[in-house]
PDB file of N, CA and C in Angstrom:
ATOM      1  N   UNK A   1      33.152 123.222  30.556  1.00  0.00           N
ATOM      2  CA  UNK A   1      33.008 124.335  31.449  1.00  0.00           C
ATOM      3  C   UNK A   1      31.801 124.074  32.372  1.00  0.00           C
ATOM      4  N   UNK A   2      31.972 124.370  33.641  1.00  0.00           N
ATOM      5  CA  UNK A   2      30.916 124.157  34.625  1.00  0.00           C
ATOM      6  C   UNK A   2      30.132 125.447  34.794  1.00  0.00           C
ATOM      7  N   UNK A   3      28.823 125.343  34.718  1.00  0.00           N
ATOM      8  CA  UNK A   3      27.957 126.508  34.911  1.00  0.00           C
ATOM      9  C   UNK A   3      27.369 126.450  36.309  1.00  0.00           C
ATOM     10  N   UNK A   4      27.697 127.446  37.097  1.00  0.00           N
ATOM     11  CA  UNK A   4      27.171 127.524  38.452  1.00  0.00           C
ATOM     12  C   UNK A   4      25.865 128.313  38.455  1.00  0.00           C
ATOM     13  N   UNK A   5      24.947 127.926  39.319  1.00  0.00           N
ATOM     14  CA  UNK A   5      23.680 128.669  39.378  1.00  0.00           C
ATOM     15  C   UNK A   5      23.918 130.076  39.930  1.00  0.00           C
ATOM     16  N   UNK A   6      23.114 131.015  39.477  1.00  0.00           N
ATOM     17  CA  UNK A   6      23.206 132.373  40.005  1.00  0.00           C
ATOM     18  C   UNK A   6      22.586 132.390  41.388  1.00  0.00           C
ATOM     19  N   UNK A   7      23.267 133.019  42.316  1.00  0.00           N
ATOM     20  CA  UNK A   7      22.798 133.069  43.698  1.00  0.00           C
ATOM     21  C   UNK A   7      22.498 134.514  44.061  1.00  0.00           C
ATOM     22  N   UNK A   8      21.301 134.727  44.562  1.00  0.00           N
ATOM     23  CA  UNK A   8      20.910 136.055  45.027  1.00  0.00           C
ATOM     24  C   UNK A   8      21.448 136.211  46.452  1.00  0.00           C
ATOM     25  N   UNK A   9      22.534 136.955  46.593  1.00  0.00           N
ATOM     26  CA  UNK A   9      23.194 137.068  47.892  1.00  0.00           C
ATOM     27  C   UNK A   9      22.316 137.756  48.941  1.00  0.00           C
ATOM     28  N   UNK A  10      21.492 138.688  48.515  1.00  0.00           N
ATOM     29  CA  UNK A  10      20.593 139.344  49.468  1.00  0.00           C
ATOM     30  C   UNK A  10      19.557 138.354  49.995  1.00  0.00           C
ATOM     31  N   UNK A  11      19.035 137.529  49.100  1.00  0.00           N
ATOM     32  CA  UNK A  11      18.052 136.515  49.512  1.00  0.00           C
ATOM     33  C   UNK A  11      18.708 135.478  50.411  1.00  0.00           C
ATOM     34  N   UNK A  12      19.921 135.089  50.082  1.00  0.00           N
ATOM     35  CA  UNK A  12      20.655 134.124  50.897  1.00  0.00           C
ATOM     36  C   UNK A  12      20.907 134.686  52.296  1.00  0.00           C
ATOM     37  N   UNK A  13      21.315 135.940  52.381  1.00  0.00           N
ATOM     38  CA  UNK A  13      21.553 136.578  53.679  1.00  0.00           C
ATOM     39  C   UNK A  13      20.263 136.629  54.494  1.00  0.00           C
ATOM     40  N   UNK A  14      19.156 136.906  53.832  1.00  0.00           N
ATOM     41  CA  UNK A  14      17.850 136.937  54.515  1.00  0.00           C
ATOM     42  C   UNK A  14      17.518 135.563  55.087  1.00  0.00           C
ATOM     43  N   UNK A  15      17.735 134.513  54.292  1.00  0.00           N
ATOM     44  CA  UNK A  15      17.464 133.149  54.758  1.00  0.00           C
ATOM     45  C   UNK A  15      18.366 132.774  55.925  1.00  0.00           C
ATOM     46  N   UNK A  16      19.623 133.192  55.879  1.00  0.00           N
ATOM     47  CA  UNK A  16      20.558 132.903  56.972  1.00  0.00           C
ATOM     48  C   UNK A  16      20.079 133.575  58.258  1.00  0.00           C
ATOM     49  N   UNK A  17      19.639 134.836  58.156  1.00  0.00           N
ATOM     50  CA  UNK A  17      19.135 135.546  59.343  1.00  0.00           C
ATOM     51  C   UNK A  17      17.891 134.873  59.910  1.00  0.00           C
ATOM     52  N   UNK A  18      16.973 134.464  59.022  1.00  0.00           N
ATOM     53  CA  UNK A  18      15.746 133.798  59.470  1.00  0.00           C
ATOM     54  C   UNK A  18      16.072 132.469  60.155  1.00  0.00           C
ATOM     55  N   UNK A  19      16.992 131.722  59.570  1.00  0.00           N
ATOM     56  CA  UNK A  19      17.371 130.434  60.132  1.00  0.00           C
ATOM     57  C   UNK A  19      17.970 130.617  61.520  1.00  0.00           C
ATOM     58  N   UNK A  20      18.852 131.596  61.658  1.00  0.00           N
ATOM     59  CA  UNK A  20      19.489 131.861  62.953  1.00  0.00           C
ATOM     60  C   UNK A  20      18.442 132.263  63.984  1.00  0.00           C
ATOM     61  N   UNK A  21      17.509 133.112  63.582  1.00  0.00           N
ATOM     62  CA  UNK A  21      16.441 133.554  64.485  1.00  0.00           C
ATOM     63  C   UNK A  21      15.604 132.365  64.949  1.00  0.00           C
ATOM     64  N   UNK A  22      15.265 131.472  64.028  1.00  0.00           N
ATOM     65  CA  UNK A  22      14.469 130.293  64.368  1.00  0.00           C
ATOM     66  C   UNK A  22      15.223 129.367  65.322  1.00  0.00           C
ATOM     67  N   UNK A  23      16.525 129.181  65.065  1.00  0.00           N
ATOM     68  CA  UNK A  23      17.316 128.312  65.946  1.00  0.00           C
ATOM     69  C   UNK A  23      17.415 128.889  67.343  1.00  0.00           C
ATOM     70  N   UNK A  24      17.631 130.205  67.456  1.00  0.00           N
ATOM     71  CA  UNK A  24      17.715 130.837  68.773  1.00  0.00           C
ATOM     72  C   UNK A  24      16.393 130.748  69.519  1.00  0.00           C
ATOM     73  N   UNK A  25      15.295 130.913  68.814  1.00  0.00           N
ATOM     74  CA  UNK A  25      13.978 130.802  69.445  1.00  0.00           C
ATOM     75  C   UNK A  25      13.748 129.379  69.956  1.00  0.00           C
ATOM     76  N   UNK A  26      14.158 128.375  69.169  1.00  0.00           N
ATOM     77  CA  UNK A  26      14.025 126.989  69.615  1.00  0.00           C
ATOM     78  C   UNK A  26      14.834 126.758  70.891  1.00  0.00           C
ATOM     79  N   UNK A  27      16.054 127.263  70.913  1.00  0.00           N
ATOM     80  CA  UNK A  27      16.909 127.080  72.101  1.00  0.00           C
ATOM     81  C   UNK A  27      16.274 127.750  73.310  1.00  0.00           C
ATOM     82  N   UNK A  28      15.753 128.955  73.129  1.00  0.00           N
ATOM     83  CA  UNK A  28      15.096 129.654  74.250  1.00  0.00           C
ATOM     84  C   UNK A  28      13.904 128.856  74.780  1.00  0.00           C
ATOM     85  N   UNK A  29      13.085 128.331  73.860  1.00  0.00           N
ATOM     86  CA  UNK A  29      11.925 127.538  74.274  1.00  0.00           C
ATOM     87  C   UNK A  29      12.365 126.268  74.998  1.00  0.00           C
ATOM     88  N   UNK A  30      13.407 125.617  74.508  1.00  0.00           N
ATOM     89  CA  UNK A  30      13.896 124.391  75.128  1.00  0.00           C
ATOM     90  C   UNK A  30      14.439 124.675  76.528  1.00  0.00           C
ATOM     91  N   UNK A  31      15.155 125.782  76.678  1.00  0.00           N
ATOM     92  CA  UNK A  31      15.685 126.163  77.993  1.00  0.00           C
ATOM     93  C   UNK A  31      14.545 126.406  78.969  1.00  0.00           C
ATOM     94  N   UNK A  32      13.506 127.098  78.519  1.00  0.00           N
ATOM     95  CA  UNK A  32      12.360 127.342  79.393  1.00  0.00           C
ATOM     96  C   UNK A  32      11.701 126.022  79.799  1.00  0.00           C
ATOM     97  N   UNK A  33      11.588 125.094  78.853  1.00  0.00           N
ATOM     98  CA  UNK A  33      11.010 123.786  79.169  1.00  0.00           C
ATOM     99  C   UNK A  33      11.880 123.071  80.205  1.00  0.00           C
ATOM    100  N   UNK A  34      13.201 123.119  80.010  1.00  0.00           N
ATOM    101  CA  UNK A  34      14.106 122.465  80.958  1.00  0.00           C
ATOM    102  C   UNK A  34      13.980 123.072  82.350  1.00  0.00           C
ATOM    103  N   UNK A  35      13.848 124.376  82.428  1.00  0.00           N
ATOM    104  CA  UNK A  35      13.753 125.049  83.722  1.00  0.00           C
ATOM    105  C   UNK A  35      12.514 124.626  84.505  1.00  0.00           C
ATOM    106  N   UNK A  36      11.402 124.390  83.799  1.00  0.00           N
ATOM    107  CA  UNK A  36      10.169 124.075  84.516  1.00  0.00           C
ATOM    108  C   UNK A  36       9.850 122.584  84.564  1.00  0.00           C
ATOM    109  N   UNK A  37      10.698 121.753  83.989  1.00  0.00           N
ATOM    110  CA  UNK A  37      10.461 120.317  83.961  1.00  0.00           C
ATOM    111  C   UNK A  37      11.381 119.629  84.975  1.00  0.00           C
ATOM    112  N   UNK A  38      10.820 118.779  85.830  1.00  0.00           N
ATOM    113  CA  UNK A  38      11.652 118.076  86.809  1.00  0.00           C
ATOM    114  C   UNK A  38      12.733 117.224  86.111  1.00  0.00           C
ATOM    115  N   UNK A  39      13.891 117.120  86.756  1.00  0.00           N
ATOM    116  CA  UNK A  39      15.009 116.355  86.202  1.00  0.00           C
ATOM    117  C   UNK A  39      14.615 114.932  85.826  1.00  0.00           C
ATOM    118  N   UNK A  40      13.829 114.288  86.668  1.00  0.00           N
ATOM    119  CA  UNK A  40      13.452 112.896  86.401  1.00  0.00           C
ATOM    120  C   UNK A  40      12.720 112.753  85.070  1.00  0.00           C
ATOM    121  N   UNK A  41      11.949 113.771  84.702  1.00  0.00           N
ATOM    122  CA  UNK A  41      11.185 113.720  83.453  1.00  0.00           C
ATOM    123  C   UNK A  41      12.103 113.844  82.242  1.00  0.00           C
ATOM    124  N   UNK A  42      12.956 114.892  82.230  1.00  0.00           N
ATOM    125  CA  UNK A  42      13.764 115.084  81.033  1.00  0.00           C
ATOM    126  C   UNK A  42      14.926 114.116  80.934  1.00  0.00           C
ATOM    127  N   UNK A  43      15.370 113.566  82.057  1.00  0.00           N
ATOM    128  CA  UNK A  43      16.440 112.561  82.014  1.00  0.00           C
ATOM    129  C   UNK A  43      15.942 111.300  81.301  1.00  0.00           C
ATOM    130  N   UNK A  44      14.685 110.930  81.539  1.00  0.00           N
ATOM    131  CA  UNK A  44      14.120 109.759  80.855  1.00  0.00           C
ATOM    132  C   UNK A  44      14.147 109.956  79.344  1.00  0.00           C
ATOM    133  N   UNK A  45      13.801 111.158  78.901  1.00  0.00           N
ATOM    134  CA  UNK A  45      13.835 111.459  77.469  1.00  0.00           C
ATOM    135  C   UNK A  45      15.246 111.386  76.921  1.00  0.00           C
ATOM    136  N   UNK A  46      16.221 111.870  77.663  1.00  0.00           N
ATOM    137  CA  UNK A  46      17.613 111.828  77.231  1.00  0.00           C
ATOM    138  C   UNK A  46      18.109 110.386  77.132  1.00  0.00           C
ATOM    139  N   UNK A  47      17.688 109.552  78.065  1.00  0.00           N
ATOM    140  CA  UNK A  47      18.098 108.143  78.014  1.00  0.00           C
ATOM    141  C   UNK A  47      17.583 107.489  76.742  1.00  0.00           C
ATOM    142  N   UNK A  48      16.352 107.818  76.352  1.00  0.00           N
ATOM    143  CA  UNK A  48      15.799 107.246  75.115  1.00  0.00           C
ATOM    144  C   UNK A  48      16.607 107.704  73.904  1.00  0.00           C
ATOM    145  N   UNK A  49      16.981 108.966  73.895  1.00  0.00           N
ATOM    146  CA  UNK A  49      17.752 109.515  72.778  1.00  0.00           C
ATOM    147  C   UNK A  49      19.127 108.844  72.706  1.00  0.00           C
ATOM    148  N   UNK A  50      19.726 108.626  73.853  1.00  0.00           N
ATOM    149  CA  UNK A  50      21.062 108.026  73.893  1.00  0.00           C
ATOM    150  C   UNK A  50      21.038 106.517  73.788  1.00  0.00           C
ATOM    151  N   UNK A  51      19.859 105.944  73.848  1.00  0.00           N
ATOM    152  CA  UNK A  51      19.737 104.491  73.693  1.00  0.00           C
ATOM    153  C   UNK A  51      20.144 103.701  74.922  1.00  0.00           C
ATOM    154  N   UNK A  52      19.989 104.301  76.075  1.00  0.00           N
ATOM    155  CA  UNK A  52      20.353 103.602  77.322  1.00  0.00           C
ATOM    156  C   UNK A  52      19.150 102.930  77.932  1.00  0.00           C
TER     157      UNK A  52
END
């Protein structure tokens, strides 16, 4: 018989909400950075990420 760990669903829901909030905040900050950063600057960073 397999014993599964007990999961606190309220705690899990809280963590899911916090994670979503953090991800949305990161996206907002990144968008603001993109808006104020010249294309030539962020394109260079993208090329490094893509390995070009």
